[in-house]
Amino acid sequence: MNIKLVTTCFAIGVLLGPIAVFAAEGEVDRAHPADFVKDSAITVKIKAKLADEKIKSLLHISVDTDAKGAVVLSGNTPSQAESDKAAAIAKATAGVTSVRNDIVVKKPD
């Protein structure tokens, strides 16, 4: 009986180990509150600039900023020009170190 208990506990530990490591890595990225605020400020600046363009499709673009100022843009636009405009706006924003444009161009039906 003790062997079954030890084996079960060992198996559970082995299966949950990667989850614990992944969770710990997520906390390292935003460990300092100032980093989180800086990331959020960059995201808000980009979203405000996109809204100022008064192009409706740009309002539906998601902006994610990591602790190092790297920005990821995602969502849909009806033209490549609008996708490029969103990337240019993000690149021109203070604090941005890089921009990855994952915006998909979809023609309206």
PDB file of N, CA and C in Angstrom:
ATOM      1  N   MET A   1       0.818  -1.189   0.000  1.00  0.00           N
ATOM      2  CA  MET A   1       0.000   0.000   0.000  1.00  0.00           C
ATOM      3  C   MET A   1       0.864   1.256   0.000  1.00  0.00           C
ATOM      4  N   ASN A   2       1.924   1.274   0.788  1.00  0.00           N
ATOM      5  CA  ASN A   2       2.809   2.433   0.824  1.00  0.00           C
ATOM      6  C   ASN A   2       3.478   2.665  -0.523  1.00  0.00           C
ATOM      7  N   ILE A   3       3.790   1.610  -1.225  1.00  0.00           N
ATOM      8  CA  ILE A   3       4.431   1.732  -2.532  1.00  0.00           C
ATOM      9  C   ILE A   3       3.464   2.384  -3.523  1.00  0.00           C
ATOM     10  N   LYS A   4       2.187   1.991  -3.465  1.00  0.00           N
ATOM     11  CA  LYS A   4       1.195   2.599  -4.353  1.00  0.00           C
ATOM     12  C   LYS A   4       1.042   4.087  -4.049  1.00  0.00           C
ATOM     13  N   LEU A   5       1.030   4.442  -2.787  1.00  0.00           N
ATOM     14  CA  LEU A   5       0.891   5.838  -2.395  1.00  0.00           C
ATOM     15  C   LEU A   5       2.091   6.658  -2.863  1.00  0.00           C
ATOM     16  N   VAL A   6       3.277   6.129  -2.650  1.00  0.00           N
ATOM     17  CA  VAL A   6       4.491   6.826  -3.072  1.00  0.00           C
ATOM     18  C   VAL A   6       4.530   6.949  -4.595  1.00  0.00           C
ATOM     19  N   THR A   7       4.160   5.894  -5.292  1.00  0.00           N
ATOM     20  CA  THR A   7       4.150   5.916  -6.752  1.00  0.00           C
ATOM     21  C   THR A   7       3.140   6.937  -7.276  1.00  0.00           C
ATOM     22  N   THR A   8       1.971   6.982  -6.671  1.00  0.00           N
ATOM     23  CA  THR A   8       0.937   7.936  -7.079  1.00  0.00           C
ATOM     24  C   THR A   8       1.403   9.373  -6.849  1.00  0.00           C
ATOM     25  N   CYS A   9       1.962   9.637  -5.676  1.00  0.00           N
ATOM     26  CA  CYS A   9       2.468  10.984  -5.371  1.00  0.00           C
ATOM     27  C   CYS A   9       3.592  11.382  -6.329  1.00  0.00           C
ATOM     28  N   PHE A  10       4.454  10.440  -6.641  1.00  0.00           N
ATOM     29  CA  PHE A  10       5.546  10.719  -7.575  1.00  0.00           C
ATOM     30  C   PHE A  10       4.994  11.048  -8.961  1.00  0.00           C
ATOM     31  N   ALA A  11       4.015  10.266  -9.425  1.00  0.00           N
ATOM     32  CA  ALA A  11       3.424  10.496 -10.749  1.00  0.00           C
ATOM     33  C   ALA A  11       2.739  11.860 -10.808  1.00  0.00           C
ATOM     34  N   ILE A  12       2.022  12.221  -9.764  1.00  0.00           N
ATOM     35  CA  ILE A  12       1.358  13.521  -9.724  1.00  0.00           C
ATOM     36  C   ILE A  12       2.394  14.644  -9.739  1.00  0.00           C
ATOM     37  N   GLY A  13       3.460  14.479  -8.988  1.00  0.00           N
ATOM     38  CA  GLY A  13       4.521  15.477  -8.956  1.00  0.00           C
ATOM     39  C   GLY A  13       5.174  15.669 -10.308  1.00  0.00           C
ATOM     40  N   VAL A  14       5.406  14.560 -10.995  1.00  0.00           N
ATOM     41  CA  VAL A  14       6.024  14.625 -12.324  1.00  0.00           C
ATOM     42  C   VAL A  14       5.090  15.323 -13.311  1.00  0.00           C
ATOM     43  N   LEU A  15       3.799  15.042 -13.230  1.00  0.00           N
ATOM     44  CA  LEU A  15       2.846  15.649 -14.149  1.00  0.00           C
ATOM     45  C   LEU A  15       2.613  17.130 -13.861  1.00  0.00           C
ATOM     46  N   LEU A  16       2.670  17.549 -12.606  1.00  0.00           N
ATOM     47  CA  LEU A  16       2.417  18.936 -12.250  1.00  0.00           C
ATOM     48  C   LEU A  16       3.671  19.801 -12.276  1.00  0.00           C
ATOM     49  N   GLY A  17       4.832  19.199 -12.348  1.00  0.00           N
ATOM     50  CA  GLY A  17       6.090  19.954 -12.364  1.00  0.00           C
ATOM     51  C   GLY A  17       6.167  20.985 -13.477  1.00  0.00           C
ATOM     52  N   PRO A  18       5.892  20.612 -14.731  1.00  0.00           N
ATOM     53  CA  PRO A  18       5.962  21.600 -15.818  1.00  0.00           C
ATOM     54  C   PRO A  18       4.968  22.748 -15.643  1.00  0.00           C
ATOM     55  N   ILE A  19       3.823  22.464 -15.061  1.00  0.00           N
ATOM     56  CA  ILE A  19       2.839  23.522 -14.835  1.00  0.00           C
ATOM     57  C   ILE A  19       3.381  24.528 -13.830  1.00  0.00           C
ATOM     58  N   ALA A  20       4.016  24.050 -12.778  1.00  0.00           N
ATOM     59  CA  ALA A  20       4.583  24.946 -11.772  1.00  0.00           C
ATOM     60  C   ALA A  20       5.699  25.805 -12.367  1.00  0.00           C
ATOM     61  N   VAL A  21       6.517  25.222 -13.223  1.00  0.00           N
ATOM     62  CA  VAL A  21       7.601  25.979 -13.865  1.00  0.00           C
ATOM     63  C   VAL A  21       7.017  27.039 -14.790  1.00  0.00           C
ATOM     64  N   PHE A  22       6.002  26.681 -15.568  1.00  0.00           N
ATOM     65  CA  PHE A  22       5.368  27.636 -16.474  1.00  0.00           C
ATOM     66  C   PHE A  22       4.747  28.792 -15.697  1.00  0.00           C
ATOM     67  N   ALA A  23       4.083  28.500 -14.607  1.00  0.00           N
ATOM     68  CA  ALA A  23       3.458  29.545 -13.786  1.00  0.00           C
ATOM     69  C   ALA A  23       4.519  30.466 -13.197  1.00  0.00           C
ATOM     70  N   ALA A  24       5.634  29.915 -12.775  1.00  0.00           N
ATOM     71  CA  ALA A  24       6.708  30.733 -12.203  1.00  0.00           C
ATOM     72  C   ALA A  24       7.307  31.654 -13.250  1.00  0.00           C
ATOM     73  N   GLU A  25       7.442  31.185 -14.496  1.00  0.00           N
ATOM     74  CA  GLU A  25       7.986  32.022 -15.562  1.00  0.00           C
ATOM     75  C   GLU A  25       7.062  33.190 -15.859  1.00  0.00           C
ATOM     76  N   GLY A  26       5.757  32.972 -15.798  1.00  0.00           N
ATOM     77  CA  GLY A  26       4.801  34.038 -16.053  1.00  0.00           C
ATOM     78  C   GLY A  26       4.897  35.149 -15.026  1.00  0.00           C
ATOM     79  N   GLU A  27       5.198  34.807 -13.798  1.00  0.00           N
ATOM     80  CA  GLU A  27       5.314  35.811 -12.754  1.00  0.00           C
ATOM     81  C   GLU A  27       6.590  36.640 -12.896  1.00  0.00           C
ATOM     82  N   VAL A  28       7.633  36.064 -13.467  1.00  0.00           N
ATOM     83  CA  VAL A  28       8.895  36.782 -13.617  1.00  0.00           C
ATOM     84  C   VAL A  28       8.738  37.955 -14.573  1.00  0.00           C
ATOM     85  N   ASP A  29       7.932  37.790 -15.637  1.00  0.00           N
ATOM     86  CA  ASP A  29       7.773  38.842 -16.635  1.00  0.00           C
ATOM     87  C   ASP A  29       7.186  40.121 -16.050  1.00  0.00           C
ATOM     88  N   ARG A  30       6.315  40.017 -15.092  1.00  0.00           N
ATOM     89  CA  ARG A  30       5.634  41.185 -14.533  1.00  0.00           C
ATOM     90  C   ARG A  30       5.874  41.269 -13.025  1.00  0.00           C
ATOM     91  N   ALA A  31       7.079  40.922 -12.609  1.00  0.00           N
ATOM     92  CA  ALA A  31       7.388  40.886 -11.185  1.00  0.00           C
ATOM     93  C   ALA A  31       7.374  42.268 -10.557  1.00  0.00           C
ATOM     94  N   HIS A  32       7.770  43.276 -11.287  1.00  0.00           N
ATOM     95  CA  HIS A  32       7.846  44.618 -10.733  1.00  0.00           C
ATOM     96  C   HIS A  32       6.644  45.429 -11.214  1.00  0.00           C
ATOM     97  N   PRO A  33       5.886  46.041 -10.302  1.00  0.00           N
ATOM     98  CA  PRO A  33       4.697  46.795 -10.706  1.00  0.00           C
ATOM     99  C   PRO A  33       4.985  47.909 -11.712  1.00  0.00           C
ATOM    100  N   ALA A  34       6.142  48.516 -11.643  1.00  0.00           N
ATOM    101  CA  ALA A  34       6.479  49.592 -12.582  1.00  0.00           C
ATOM    102  C   ALA A  34       6.539  49.065 -14.016  1.00  0.00           C
ATOM    103  N   ASP A  35       7.026  47.819 -14.203  1.00  0.00           N
ATOM    104  CA  ASP A  35       7.061  47.226 -15.543  1.00  0.00           C
ATOM    105  C   ASP A  35       5.652  47.038 -16.081  1.00  0.00           C
ATOM    106  N   PHE A  36       4.743  46.574 -15.215  1.00  0.00           N
ATOM    107  CA  PHE A  36       3.363  46.360 -15.647  1.00  0.00           C
ATOM    108  C   PHE A  36       2.717  47.681 -16.054  1.00  0.00           C
ATOM    109  N   VAL A  37       2.931  48.725 -15.275  1.00  0.00           N
ATOM    110  CA  VAL A  37       2.365  50.033 -15.591  1.00  0.00           C
ATOM    111  C   VAL A  37       2.951  50.562 -16.887  1.00  0.00           C
ATOM    112  N   LYS A  38       4.269  50.401 -17.092  1.00  0.00           N
ATOM    113  CA  LYS A  38       4.915  50.863 -18.313  1.00  0.00           C
ATOM    114  C   LYS A  38       4.333  50.143 -19.526  1.00  0.00           C
ATOM    115  N   ASP A  39       4.160  48.824 -19.419  1.00  0.00           N
ATOM    116  CA  ASP A  39       3.586  48.044 -20.515  1.00  0.00           C
ATOM    117  C   ASP A  39       2.180  48.514 -20.833  1.00  0.00           C
ATOM    118  N   SER A  40       1.393  48.728 -19.792  1.00  0.00           N
ATOM    119  CA  SER A  40       0.013  49.172 -19.983  1.00  0.00           C
ATOM    120  C   SER A  40      -0.025  50.563 -20.595  1.00  0.00           C
ATOM    121  N   ALA A  41       0.882  51.429 -20.187  1.00  0.00           N
ATOM    122  CA  ALA A  41       0.919  52.788 -20.729  1.00  0.00           C
ATOM    123  C   ALA A  41       1.240  52.766 -22.221  1.00  0.00           C
ATOM    124  N   ILE A  42       2.160  51.931 -22.626  1.00  0.00           N
ATOM    125  CA  ILE A  42       2.498  51.809 -24.052  1.00  0.00           C
ATOM    126  C   ILE A  42       1.286  51.320 -24.828  1.00  0.00           C
ATOM    127  N   THR A  43       0.612  50.299 -24.300  1.00  0.00           N
ATOM    128  CA  THR A  43      -0.574  49.751 -24.960  1.00  0.00           C
ATOM    129  C   THR A  43      -1.655  50.817 -25.101  1.00  0.00           C
ATOM    130  N   VAL A  44      -1.901  51.583 -24.044  1.00  0.00           N
ATOM    131  CA  VAL A  44      -2.920  52.629 -24.074  1.00  0.00           C
ATOM    132  C   VAL A  44      -2.546  53.721 -25.084  1.00  0.00           C
ATOM    133  N   LYS A  45      -1.271  54.101 -25.131  1.00  0.00           N
ATOM    134  CA  LYS A  45      -0.835  55.121 -26.090  1.00  0.00           C
ATOM    135  C   LYS A  45      -1.107  54.666 -27.522  1.00  0.00           C
ATOM    136  N   ILE A  46      -0.769  53.421 -27.817  1.00  0.00           N
ATOM    137  CA  ILE A  46      -0.970  52.898 -29.173  1.00  0.00           C
ATOM    138  C   ILE A  46      -2.456  52.848 -29.509  1.00  0.00           C
ATOM    139  N   LYS A  47      -3.274  52.341 -28.582  1.00  0.00           N
ATOM    140  CA  LYS A  47      -4.717  52.265 -28.828  1.00  0.00           C
ATOM    141  C   LYS A  47      -5.309  53.657 -29.050  1.00  0.00           C
ATOM    142  N   ALA A  48      -4.846  54.652 -28.289  1.00  0.00           N
ATOM    143  CA  ALA A  48      -5.343  56.022 -28.459  1.00  0.00           C
ATOM    144  C   ALA A  48      -4.962  56.574 -29.826  1.00  0.00           C
ATOM    145  N   LYS A  49      -3.740  56.310 -30.256  1.00  0.00           N
ATOM    146  CA  LYS A  49      -3.303  56.779 -31.577  1.00  0.00           C
ATOM    147  C   LYS A  49      -4.095  56.095 -32.688  1.00  0.00           C
ATOM    148  N   LEU A  50      -4.396  54.808 -32.515  1.00  0.00           N
ATOM    149  CA  LEU A  50      -5.203  54.095 -33.510  1.00  0.00           C
ATOM    150  C   LEU A  50      -6.608  54.703 -33.570  1.00  0.00           C
ATOM    151  N   ALA A  51      -7.170  55.049 -32.418  1.00  0.00           N
ATOM    152  CA  ALA A  51      -8.501  55.658 -32.375  1.00  0.00           C
ATOM    153  C   ALA A  51      -8.499  57.043 -33.024  1.00  0.00           C
ATOM    154  N   ASP A  52      -7.416  57.781 -32.861  1.00  0.00           N
ATOM    155  CA  ASP A  52      -7.305  59.126 -33.449  1.00  0.00           C
ATOM    156  C   ASP A  52      -7.322  59.096 -34.973  1.00  0.00           C
ATOM    157  N   GLU A  53      -6.952  57.969 -35.551  1.00  0.00           N
ATOM    158  CA  GLU A  53      -6.924  57.861 -37.014  1.00  0.00           C
ATOM    159  C   GLU A  53      -8.319  57.840 -37.623  1.00  0.00           C
ATOM    160  N   LYS A  54      -9.333  57.603 -36.804  1.00  0.00           N
ATOM    161  CA  LYS A  54     -10.728  57.583 -37.243  1.00  0.00           C
ATOM    162  C   LYS A  54     -10.978  56.589 -38.377  1.00  0.00           C
ATOM    163  N   ILE A  55     -10.233  55.504 -38.352  1.00  0.00           N
ATOM    164  CA  ILE A  55     -10.456  54.401 -39.285  1.00  0.00           C
ATOM    165  C   ILE A  55     -11.062  53.278 -38.441  1.00  0.00           C
ATOM    166  N   LYS A  56     -12.308  52.973 -38.705  1.00  0.00           N
ATOM    167  CA  LYS A  56     -13.083  52.068 -37.851  1.00  0.00           C
ATOM    168  C   LYS A  56     -12.396  50.722 -37.625  1.00  0.00           C
ATOM    169  N   SER A  57     -11.788  50.158 -38.642  1.00  0.00           N
ATOM    170  CA  SER A  57     -11.178  48.833 -38.499  1.00  0.00           C
ATOM    171  C   SER A  57      -9.986  48.837 -37.541  1.00  0.00           C
ATOM    172  N   LEU A  58      -9.327  49.982 -37.389  1.00  0.00           N
ATOM    173  CA  LEU A  58      -8.183  50.051 -36.484  1.00  0.00           C
ATOM    174  C   LEU A  58      -8.606  49.934 -35.017  1.00  0.00           C
ATOM    175  N   LEU A  59      -9.864  50.215 -34.738  1.00  0.00           N
ATOM    176  CA  LEU A  59     -10.356  50.100 -33.362  1.00  0.00           C
ATOM    177  C   LEU A  59     -10.462  48.646 -32.914  1.00  0.00           C
ATOM    178  N   HIS A  60     -10.479  47.723 -33.867  1.00  0.00           N
ATOM    179  CA  HIS A  60     -10.631  46.311 -33.545  1.00  0.00           C
ATOM    180  C   HIS A  60      -9.300  45.556 -33.522  1.00  0.00           C
ATOM    181  N   ILE A  61      -8.210  46.287 -33.484  1.00  0.00           N
ATOM    182  CA  ILE A  61      -6.888  45.668 -33.432  1.00  0.00           C
ATOM    183  C   ILE A  61      -6.475  45.509 -31.976  1.00  0.00           C
ATOM    184  N   SER A  62      -6.000  44.326 -31.640  1.00  0.00           N
ATOM    185  CA  SER A  62      -5.512  44.068 -30.288  1.00  0.00           C
ATOM    186  C   SER A  62      -4.043  44.443 -30.200  1.00  0.00           C
ATOM    187  N   VAL A  63      -3.676  45.048 -29.085  1.00  0.00           N
ATOM    188  CA  VAL A  63      -2.304  45.477 -28.851  1.00  0.00           C
ATOM    189  C   VAL A  63      -1.827  44.833 -27.560  1.00  0.00           C
ATOM    190  N   ASP A  64      -0.719  44.107 -27.630  1.00  0.00           N
ATOM    191  CA  ASP A  64      -0.143  43.486 -26.441  1.00  0.00           C
ATOM    192  C   ASP A  64       1.320  43.909 -26.341  1.00  0.00           C
ATOM    193  N   THR A  65       1.712  44.368 -25.163  1.00  0.00           N
ATOM    194  CA  THR A  65       3.078  44.842 -24.951  1.00  0.00           C
ATOM    195  C   THR A  65       3.720  44.022 -23.850  1.00  0.00           C
ATOM    196  N   ASP A  66       4.944  43.525 -24.079  1.00  0.00           N
ATOM    197  CA  ASP A  66       5.626  42.769 -23.032  1.00  0.00           C
ATOM    198  C   ASP A  66       6.518  43.693 -22.210  1.00  0.00           C
ATOM    199  N   ALA A  67       7.209  43.119 -21.237  1.00  0.00           N
ATOM    200  CA  ALA A  67       8.012  43.895 -20.292  1.00  0.00           C
ATOM    201  C   ALA A  67       9.184  44.623 -20.955  1.00  0.00           C
ATOM    202  N   LYS A  68       9.587  44.186 -22.133  1.00  0.00           N
ATOM    203  CA  LYS A  68      10.731  44.801 -22.809  1.00  0.00           C
ATOM    204  C   LYS A  68      10.316  45.816 -23.861  1.00  0.00           C
ATOM    205  N   GLY A  69       9.011  46.112 -23.943  1.00  0.00           N
ATOM    206  CA  GLY A  69       8.531  47.084 -24.928  1.00  0.00           C
ATOM    207  C   GLY A  69       8.241  46.495 -26.294  1.00  0.00           C
ATOM    208  N   ALA A  70       8.249  45.179 -26.415  1.00  0.00           N
ATOM    209  CA  ALA A  70       7.915  44.536 -27.686  1.00  0.00           C
ATOM    210  C   ALA A  70       6.392  44.483 -27.819  1.00  0.00           C
ATOM    211  N   VAL A  71       5.891  44.942 -28.954  1.00  0.00           N
ATOM    212  CA  VAL A  71       4.456  45.030 -29.184  1.00  0.00           C
ATOM    213  C   VAL A  71       4.035  43.988 -30.216  1.00  0.00           C
ATOM    214  N   VAL A  72       2.889  43.346 -29.954  1.00  0.00           N
ATOM    215  CA  VAL A  72       2.292  42.407 -30.900  1.00  0.00           C
ATOM    216  C   VAL A  72       0.921  42.952 -31.269  1.00  0.00           C
ATOM    217  N   LEU A  73       0.711  43.164 -32.558  1.00  0.00           N
ATOM    218  CA  LEU A  73      -0.572  43.617 -33.073  1.00  0.00           C
ATOM    219  C   LEU A  73      -1.302  42.428 -33.678  1.00  0.00           C
ATOM    220  N   SER A  74      -2.592  42.293 -33.376  1.00  0.00           N
ATOM    221  CA  SER A  74      -3.381  41.215 -33.961  1.00  0.00           C
ATOM    222  C   SER A  74      -4.795  41.715 -34.228  1.00  0.00           C
ATOM    223  N   GLY A  75      -5.526  40.974 -35.030  1.00  0.00           N
ATOM    224  CA  GLY A  75      -6.888  41.349 -35.404  1.00  0.00           C
ATOM    225  C   GLY A  75      -7.045  41.297 -36.905  1.00  0.00           C
ATOM    226  N   ASN A  76      -8.069  41.982 -37.404  1.00  0.00           N
ATOM    227  CA  ASN A  76      -8.371  41.969 -38.838  1.00  0.00           C
ATOM    228  C   ASN A  76      -8.531  43.392 -39.365  1.00  0.00           C
ATOM    229  N   THR A  77      -8.083  43.604 -40.586  1.00  0.00           N
ATOM    230  CA  THR A  77      -8.338  44.856 -41.301  1.00  0.00           C
ATOM    231  C   THR A  77      -8.745  44.503 -42.733  1.00  0.00           C
ATOM    232  N   PRO A  78      -9.486  45.402 -43.388  1.00  0.00           N
ATOM    233  CA  PRO A  78      -9.898  45.107 -44.756  1.00  0.00           C
ATOM    234  C   PRO A  78      -8.822  45.364 -45.805  1.00  0.00           C
ATOM    235  N   SER A  79      -7.713  46.023 -45.422  1.00  0.00           N
ATOM    236  CA  SER A  79      -6.679  46.304 -46.418  1.00  0.00           C
ATOM    237  C   SER A  79      -5.282  46.228 -45.799  1.00  0.00           C
ATOM    238  N   GLN A  80      -4.311  45.965 -46.641  1.00  0.00           N
ATOM    239  CA  GLN A  80      -2.915  45.916 -46.190  1.00  0.00           C
ATOM    240  C   GLN A  80      -2.452  47.295 -45.746  1.00  0.00           C
ATOM    241  N   ALA A  81      -2.976  48.338 -46.374  1.00  0.00           N
ATOM    242  CA  ALA A  81      -2.591  49.705 -46.016  1.00  0.00           C
ATOM    243  C   ALA A  81      -2.962  50.014 -44.565  1.00  0.00           C
ATOM    244  N   GLU A  82      -4.130  49.558 -44.128  1.00  0.00           N
ATOM    245  CA  GLU A  82      -4.545  49.787 -42.745  1.00  0.00           C
ATOM    246  C   GLU A  82      -3.684  48.985 -41.778  1.00  0.00           C
ATOM    247  N   SER A  83      -3.316  47.775 -42.161  1.00  0.00           N
ATOM    248  CA  SER A  83      -2.433  46.959 -41.336  1.00  0.00           C
ATOM    249  C   SER A  83      -1.066  47.628 -41.196  1.00  0.00           C
ATOM    250  N   ASP A  84      -0.548  48.120 -42.312  1.00  0.00           N
ATOM    251  CA  ASP A  84       0.741  48.814 -42.296  1.00  0.00           C
ATOM    252  C   ASP A  84       0.671  50.100 -41.476  1.00  0.00           C
ATOM    253  N   LYS A  85      -0.464  50.806 -41.550  1.00  0.00           N
ATOM    254  CA  LYS A  85      -0.647  52.049 -40.794  1.00  0.00           C
ATOM    255  C   LYS A  85      -0.605  51.749 -39.293  1.00  0.00           C
ATOM    256  N   ALA A  86      -1.267  50.684 -38.868  1.00  0.00           N
ATOM    257  CA  ALA A  86      -1.261  50.304 -37.457  1.00  0.00           C
ATOM    258  C   ALA A  86       0.157  49.974 -36.989  1.00  0.00           C
ATOM    259  N   ALA A  87       0.923  49.264 -37.810  1.00  0.00           N
ATOM    260  CA  ALA A  87       2.299  48.916 -37.452  1.00  0.00           C
ATOM    261  C   ALA A  87       3.162  50.175 -37.368  1.00  0.00           C
ATOM    262  N   ALA A  88       2.961  51.108 -38.292  1.00  0.00           N
ATOM    263  CA  ALA A  88       3.737  52.352 -38.271  1.00  0.00           C
ATOM    264  C   ALA A  88       3.422  53.173 -37.026  1.00  0.00           C
ATOM    265  N   ILE A  89       2.159  53.206 -36.642  1.00  0.00           N
ATOM    266  CA  ILE A  89       1.760  53.934 -35.431  1.00  0.00           C
ATOM    267  C   ILE A  89       2.427  53.314 -34.214  1.00  0.00           C
ATOM    268  N   ALA A  90       2.415  51.997 -34.136  1.00  0.00           N
ATOM    269  CA  ALA A  90       3.028  51.311 -32.991  1.00  0.00           C
ATOM    270  C   ALA A  90       4.529  51.579 -32.944  1.00  0.00           C
ATOM    271  N   LYS A  91       5.198  51.501 -34.093  1.00  0.00           N
ATOM    272  CA  LYS A  91       6.648  51.724 -34.136  1.00  0.00           C
ATOM    273  C   LYS A  91       7.028  53.138 -33.720  1.00  0.00           C
ATOM    274  N   ALA A  92       6.148  54.096 -33.994  1.00  0.00           N
ATOM    275  CA  ALA A  92       6.439  55.497 -33.687  1.00  0.00           C
ATOM    276  C   ALA A  92       6.112  55.876 -32.241  1.00  0.00           C
ATOM    277  N   THR A  93       5.608  54.935 -31.471  1.00  0.00           N
ATOM    278  CA  THR A  93       5.219  55.214 -30.091  1.00  0.00           C
ATOM    279  C   THR A  93       6.421  55.091 -29.162  1.00  0.00           C
ATOM    280  N   ALA A  94       6.559  56.058 -28.262  1.00  0.00           N
ATOM    281  CA  ALA A  94       7.682  56.060 -27.310  1.00  0.00           C
ATOM    282  C   ALA A  94       7.641  54.816 -26.423  1.00  0.00           C
ATOM    283  N   GLY A  95       8.809  54.203 -26.234  1.00  0.00           N
ATOM    284  CA  GLY A  95       8.936  53.030 -25.375  1.00  0.00           C
ATOM    285  C   GLY A  95       8.846  51.714 -26.109  1.00  0.00           C
ATOM    286  N   VAL A  96       8.445  51.740 -27.372  1.00  0.00           N
ATOM    287  CA  VAL A  96       8.317  50.510 -28.159  1.00  0.00           C
ATOM    288  C   VAL A  96       9.690  50.121 -28.697  1.00  0.00           C
ATOM    289  N   THR A  97      10.091  48.868 -28.444  1.00  0.00           N
ATOM    290  CA  THR A  97      11.389  48.390 -28.918  1.00  0.00           C
ATOM    291  C   THR A  97      11.274  47.594 -30.210  1.00  0.00           C
ATOM    292  N   SER A  98      10.131  46.920 -30.402  1.00  0.00           N
ATOM    293  CA  SER A  98       9.909  46.169 -31.636  1.00  0.00           C
ATOM    294  C   SER A  98       8.410  45.972 -31.826  1.00  0.00           C
ATOM    295  N   VAL A  99       8.015  45.699 -33.076  1.00  0.00           N
ATOM    296  CA  VAL A  99       6.607  45.480 -33.399  1.00  0.00           C
ATOM    297  C   VAL A  99       6.497  44.222 -34.247  1.00  0.00           C
ATOM    298  N   ARG A 100       5.613  43.313 -33.827  1.00  0.00           N
ATOM    299  CA  ARG A 100       5.281  42.129 -34.635  1.00  0.00           C
ATOM    300  C   ARG A 100       3.843  42.318 -35.112  1.00  0.00           C
ATOM    301  N   ASN A 101       3.669  42.368 -36.402  1.00  0.00           N
ATOM    302  CA  ASN A 101       2.358  42.616 -36.994  1.00  0.00           C
ATOM    303  C   ASN A 101       1.716  41.290 -37.391  1.00  0.00           C
ATOM    304  N   ASP A 102       0.764  40.833 -36.567  1.00  0.00           N
ATOM    305  CA  ASP A 102       0.023  39.601 -36.854  1.00  0.00           C
ATOM    306  C   ASP A 102      -1.393  39.912 -37.351  1.00  0.00           C
ATOM    307  N   ILE A 103      -1.592  41.112 -37.872  1.00  0.00           N
ATOM    308  CA  ILE A 103      -2.911  41.511 -38.360  1.00  0.00           C
ATOM    309  C   ILE A 103      -3.204  40.776 -39.663  1.00  0.00           C
ATOM    310  N   VAL A 104      -4.404  40.233 -39.750  1.00  0.00           N
ATOM    311  CA  VAL A 104      -4.834  39.494 -40.932  1.00  0.00           C
ATOM    312  C   VAL A 104      -5.674  40.419 -41.801  1.00  0.00           C
ATOM    313  N   VAL A 105      -5.350  40.457 -43.095  1.00  0.00           N
ATOM    314  CA  VAL A 105      -6.116  41.268 -44.031  1.00  0.00           C
ATOM    315  C   VAL A 105      -7.263  40.404 -44.566  1.00  0.00           C
ATOM    316  N   LYS A 106      -8.490  40.851 -44.257  1.00  0.00           N
ATOM    317  CA  LYS A 106      -9.684  40.137 -44.724  1.00  0.00           C
ATOM    318  C   LYS A 106     -10.585  41.114 -45.439  1.00  0.00           C
ATOM    319  N   LYS A 107     -10.867  40.805 -46.674  1.00  0.00           N
ATOM    320  CA  LYS A 107     -11.780  41.644 -47.440  1.00  0.00           C
ATOM    321  C   LYS A 107     -13.201  41.472 -46.890  1.00  0.00           C
ATOM    322  N   PRO A 108     -13.950  42.567 -46.749  1.00  0.00           N
ATOM    323  CA  PRO A 108     -15.325  42.450 -46.252  1.00  0.00           C
ATOM    324  C   PRO A 108     -16.187  41.659 -47.221  1.00  0.00           C
ATOM    325  N   ASP A 109     -17.128  40.924 -46.643  1.00  0.00           N
ATOM    326  CA  ASP A 109     -18.019  40.086 -47.479  1.00  0.00           C
ATOM    327  C   ASP A 109     -19.044  40.901 -48.194  1.00  0.00           C
TER     328      ASP A 109
END
